[in-house]
Amino acid sequence: MFLRTWRPLRVSYNYCKYLSSQRPDTSFSDAVVLSDTCVQKLKQLCDGNVFLRLCVESGGCSGFQYKFDLDDKLADDDKIFEKDGVRVVVDETSLEYIKGSTIDYHTELIRSAFRVVQNPNADLGCSCGASFSIKID
């Protein structure tokens, strides 16, 4: 009985340990592309030193999730992607998971949101588009 209780935890721990040791494929371009709709929306929202910050966090229904915030402070490890006067900032760690992706602004009847599309590092995503799992070779 005791082993049955702990066995799933051991498997789960080992799987998590394996995933945490994996790095996304770095053969893709370091660039993050900003779509025209993303640029238009950022021009409406941002003025002066305000920019869109994108980071990747653990969580969501697929393992990792995208988090978008408006920010005005840069960190030492931030990478800046600029198009037509608007900026998107990504920290180095998050950039490893979104290299080669496109950031888009999508409008539907029930919601509007920034989203990451065409992520070459993502294996599967959920239907909401906010979370993803990484490719494991």
Protein backbone atom coordinates (compact mmCIF):
# COMPACT_ATOMS: atom_id res chain seq x y z
CA MET A 1 0.00 0.00 0.00
CA PHE A 2 2.78 2.44 0.87
CA LEU A 3 4.59 1.82 -2.43
CA ARG A 4 1.40 2.30 -4.39
CA THR A 5 0.94 5.69 -2.80
CA TRP A 6 4.47 6.86 -3.58
CA ARG A 7 5.04 5.26 -6.97
CA PRO A 8 3.03 7.82 -8.98
CA LEU A 9 4.86 10.61 -7.19
CA ARG A 10 8.25 9.09 -8.05
CA VAL A 11 7.30 8.78 -11.71
CA SER A 12 5.93 12.30 -11.72
CA TYR A 13 9.07 13.63 -10.03
CA ASN A 14 11.35 11.85 -12.51
CA TYR A 15 9.33 13.10 -15.45
CA CYS A 16 9.47 16.67 -14.13
CA LYS A 17 13.21 16.30 -13.52
CA TYR A 18 13.63 15.12 -17.12
CA LEU A 19 11.59 18.01 -18.50
CA SER A 20 13.47 20.58 -16.46
CA SER A 21 16.77 19.32 -17.90
CA GLN A 22 15.56 19.77 -21.49
CA ARG A 23 16.27 22.91 -23.48
CA PRO A 24 14.35 23.98 -26.56
CA ASP A 25 16.08 23.61 -29.92
CA THR A 26 18.28 26.67 -30.41
CA SER A 27 18.79 26.19 -34.15
CA PHE A 28 15.91 28.55 -34.89
CA SER A 29 16.38 32.25 -35.39
CA ASP A 30 16.68 34.33 -32.25
CA ALA A 31 14.22 36.80 -33.73
CA VAL A 32 10.71 37.25 -32.45
CA VAL A 33 8.45 38.65 -35.16
CA LEU A 34 5.74 41.22 -34.40
CA SER A 35 2.65 41.00 -36.60
CA ASP A 36 1.02 44.12 -38.02
CA THR A 37 -2.02 43.70 -35.74
CA CYS A 38 0.29 43.43 -32.73
CA VAL A 39 2.05 46.65 -33.73
CA GLN A 40 -1.24 48.50 -34.28
CA LYS A 41 -2.60 47.49 -30.87
CA LEU A 42 0.64 48.38 -29.09
CA LYS A 43 0.58 51.83 -30.71
CA GLN A 44 -2.87 52.33 -29.15
CA LEU A 45 -1.83 51.04 -25.71
CA CYS A 46 1.75 52.20 -25.24
CA ASP A 47 3.20 55.65 -25.05
CA GLY A 48 6.67 56.86 -24.11
CA ASN A 49 8.74 54.20 -22.38
CA VAL A 50 5.95 51.63 -22.01
CA PHE A 51 6.42 48.30 -23.80
CA LEU A 52 4.88 44.84 -23.92
CA ARG A 53 6.70 42.26 -21.80
CA LEU A 54 6.34 38.60 -22.68
CA CYS A 55 7.51 35.86 -20.36
CA VAL A 56 7.07 32.11 -20.23
CA GLU A 57 6.02 30.57 -16.91
CA SER A 58 5.38 27.03 -15.81
CA GLY A 59 1.68 26.28 -15.56
CA GLY A 60 -1.36 26.17 -17.75
CA CYS A 61 -2.95 23.01 -19.03
CA SER A 62 0.01 22.06 -21.25
CA GLY A 63 2.99 22.71 -18.95
CA PHE A 64 4.08 26.24 -19.87
CA GLN A 65 2.09 29.42 -20.37
CA TYR A 66 2.64 32.81 -21.96
CA LYS A 67 2.26 35.90 -19.80
CA PHE A 68 1.86 39.38 -21.31
CA ASP A 69 2.20 42.60 -19.30
CA LEU A 70 2.71 46.27 -20.03
CA ASP A 71 5.93 47.43 -18.37
CA ASP A 72 8.32 50.38 -18.31
CA LYS A 73 11.41 48.92 -16.60
CA LEU A 74 14.10 46.91 -18.37
CA ALA A 75 16.19 44.19 -16.71
CA ASP A 76 19.80 43.33 -17.56
CA ASP A 77 18.89 40.09 -19.36
CA ASP A 78 16.05 41.55 -21.46
CA LYS A 79 16.06 41.29 -25.23
CA ILE A 80 14.20 44.02 -27.12
CA PHE A 81 12.29 43.44 -30.36
CA GLU A 82 11.12 46.60 -32.09
CA LYS A 83 8.95 47.34 -35.09
CA ASP A 84 7.51 50.69 -36.21
CA GLY A 85 8.35 52.35 -32.89
CA VAL A 86 6.78 49.77 -30.54
CA ARG A 87 8.77 47.35 -28.42
CA VAL A 88 8.27 43.85 -27.09
CA VAL A 89 10.69 42.75 -24.38
CA VAL A 90 11.52 39.13 -23.53
CA ASP A 91 13.91 37.91 -20.83
CA GLU A 92 16.70 35.51 -21.88
CA THR A 93 15.16 32.46 -20.22
CA SER A 94 11.76 32.97 -21.86
CA LEU A 95 13.40 33.67 -25.21
CA GLU A 96 14.75 30.11 -25.27
CA TYR A 97 11.14 28.89 -25.43
CA ILE A 98 9.83 31.33 -28.06
CA LYS A 99 12.72 31.84 -30.52
CA GLY A 100 11.39 32.10 -34.04
CA SER A 101 7.81 32.81 -32.92
CA THR A 102 5.41 35.51 -34.01
CA ILE A 103 3.53 37.70 -31.54
CA ASP A 104 0.06 38.56 -32.77
CA TYR A 105 -3.00 40.41 -31.49
CA HIS A 106 -6.18 38.47 -32.13
CA THR A 107 -9.77 39.66 -31.78
CA GLU A 108 -12.77 37.34 -31.44
CA LEU A 109 -16.37 37.92 -30.41
CA ILE A 110 -15.74 36.95 -26.80
CA ARG A 111 -12.18 38.20 -26.25
CA SER A 112 -9.16 40.00 -27.61
CA ALA A 113 -5.61 39.18 -26.61
CA PHE A 114 -1.97 39.10 -27.54
CA ARG A 115 -0.82 35.60 -28.39
CA VAL A 116 2.23 33.72 -29.57
CA VAL A 117 1.72 31.96 -32.89
CA GLN A 118 3.97 29.78 -35.03
CA ASN A 119 6.22 28.84 -32.12
CA PRO A 120 8.76 26.36 -33.53
CA ASN A 121 9.68 25.24 -29.98
CA ALA A 122 6.12 24.27 -29.02
CA ASP A 123 4.92 20.73 -29.44
CA LEU A 124 1.29 20.97 -28.37
CA GLY A 125 -0.90 23.80 -27.18
CA CYS A 126 -4.24 24.08 -25.52
CA SER A 127 -7.32 25.39 -27.29
CA CYS A 128 -7.15 28.77 -25.54
CA GLY A 129 -3.68 29.40 -27.03
CA ALA A 130 -2.21 30.53 -23.71
CA SER A 131 -0.27 27.39 -22.83
CA PHE A 132 1.99 24.93 -24.61
CA SER A 133 4.36 22.03 -24.15
CA ILE A 134 7.90 22.01 -25.50
CA LYS A 135 9.28 19.68 -28.15
CA ILE A 136 11.38 16.91 -26.67
CA ASP A 137 13.70 15.27 -29.17
